[in-house]
Protein backbone atom coordinates (compact mmCIF):
# COMPACT_ATOMS: atom_id res chain seq x y z
CA MET A 1 6.97 -1.49 28.35
CA SER A 2 5.80 -5.03 29.29
CA VAL A 3 7.81 -8.13 30.10
CA GLU A 4 5.84 -9.29 26.76
CA ALA A 5 6.47 -6.40 24.83
CA LEU A 6 10.62 -7.13 25.00
CA GLY A 7 9.79 -10.83 23.74
CA GLY A 8 9.72 -12.44 27.62
CA GLU A 9 7.33 -14.48 28.68
CA ALA A 10 4.88 -13.71 31.82
CA GLY A 11 6.03 -16.54 34.13
CA VAL A 12 8.84 -18.54 33.07
CA GLY A 13 10.64 -18.03 36.53
CA SER A 14 8.50 -21.15 37.25
CA ILE A 15 10.00 -24.63 36.81
CA ASP A 16 9.35 -26.24 33.79
CA ARG A 17 7.21 -29.32 34.75
CA SER A 18 6.58 -30.37 31.36
CA SER A 19 10.01 -32.47 31.13
CA GLY A 20 9.67 -33.95 34.26
CA GLY A 21 11.02 -30.89 35.62
CA ASN A 22 14.41 -32.40 35.82
CA ASN A 23 16.69 -30.21 33.49
CA PRO A 24 18.15 -27.53 35.73
CA PRO A 25 20.50 -25.91 32.98
CA LEU A 26 17.21 -25.75 31.09
CA ARG A 27 15.04 -23.85 33.66
CA THR A 28 18.55 -21.95 34.63
CA HIS A 29 18.41 -20.04 31.04
CA LYS A 30 15.34 -19.29 30.90
CA MET A 31 15.24 -17.74 34.49
CA ALA A 32 18.38 -15.67 33.46
CA LYS A 33 16.25 -14.84 30.18
CA GLN A 34 13.86 -13.33 31.73
CA VAL A 35 15.75 -11.43 34.56
CA LYS A 36 17.97 -9.93 31.57
CA VAL A 37 13.90 -8.93 29.69
CA ASN A 38 12.85 -7.59 33.26
CA LEU A 39 16.30 -5.28 33.82
CA ALA A 40 15.33 -3.81 29.69
CA ALA A 41 11.72 -3.24 30.35
CA GLU A 42 12.62 -1.67 34.05
CA PHE A 43 15.49 0.56 32.38
CA LEU A 44 13.00 1.61 29.04
CA GLN A 45 10.24 2.43 32.25
CA GLN A 46 13.43 4.91 34.04
CA ASN A 47 14.65 6.33 30.97
CA VAL A 48 13.48 7.77 27.92
CA VAL A 49 15.04 5.32 25.35
CA LYS A 50 12.60 3.88 22.40
CA LYS A 51 13.14 -0.03 22.16
CA GLU A 52 14.73 0.36 19.05
CA ASP A 53 17.44 2.35 20.04
CA LEU A 54 18.22 0.20 22.07
CA TYR A 55 18.84 -2.46 20.53
CA ARG A 56 20.74 -0.86 17.97
CA ASP A 57 23.48 0.24 20.53
CA ILE A 58 23.74 -2.81 22.25
CA LYS A 59 24.07 -4.78 18.69
CA LYS A 60 26.84 -2.30 18.24
CA GLN A 61 28.66 -2.51 21.21
CA ILE A 62 28.65 -6.10 20.90
CA LYS A 63 29.76 -5.90 16.99
CA GLN A 64 32.75 -3.80 18.89
CA LEU A 65 33.14 -7.00 21.68
CA LYS A 66 33.93 -9.23 18.47
CA ASP A 67 36.04 -7.17 16.57
CA CYS A 68 38.48 -6.25 19.45
CA TYR A 69 38.11 -10.04 20.48
CA GLU A 70 38.97 -11.38 17.16
CA SER A 71 41.67 -8.70 16.82
CA THR A 72 43.59 -9.66 20.14
CA MET A 73 43.05 -13.30 19.14
CA MET A 74 44.52 -12.89 16.00
CA THR A 75 47.88 -11.73 17.32
């Protein structure tokens, strides 16, 4: 599974000179996103899991976490 197939960009970890290179938060965000994409690609390569199944499970977990968080905020 390639990085591009997961929605990542090759070379995103480099400094973004198009904005003058003076925007650490954006650069940090791009680097963090690339790390997540790389980890997901590595996970899919090492495990027999379809990308669609992984995304479905992640969405389910996120919904459960949101529901849990909302219920604790209501009490």
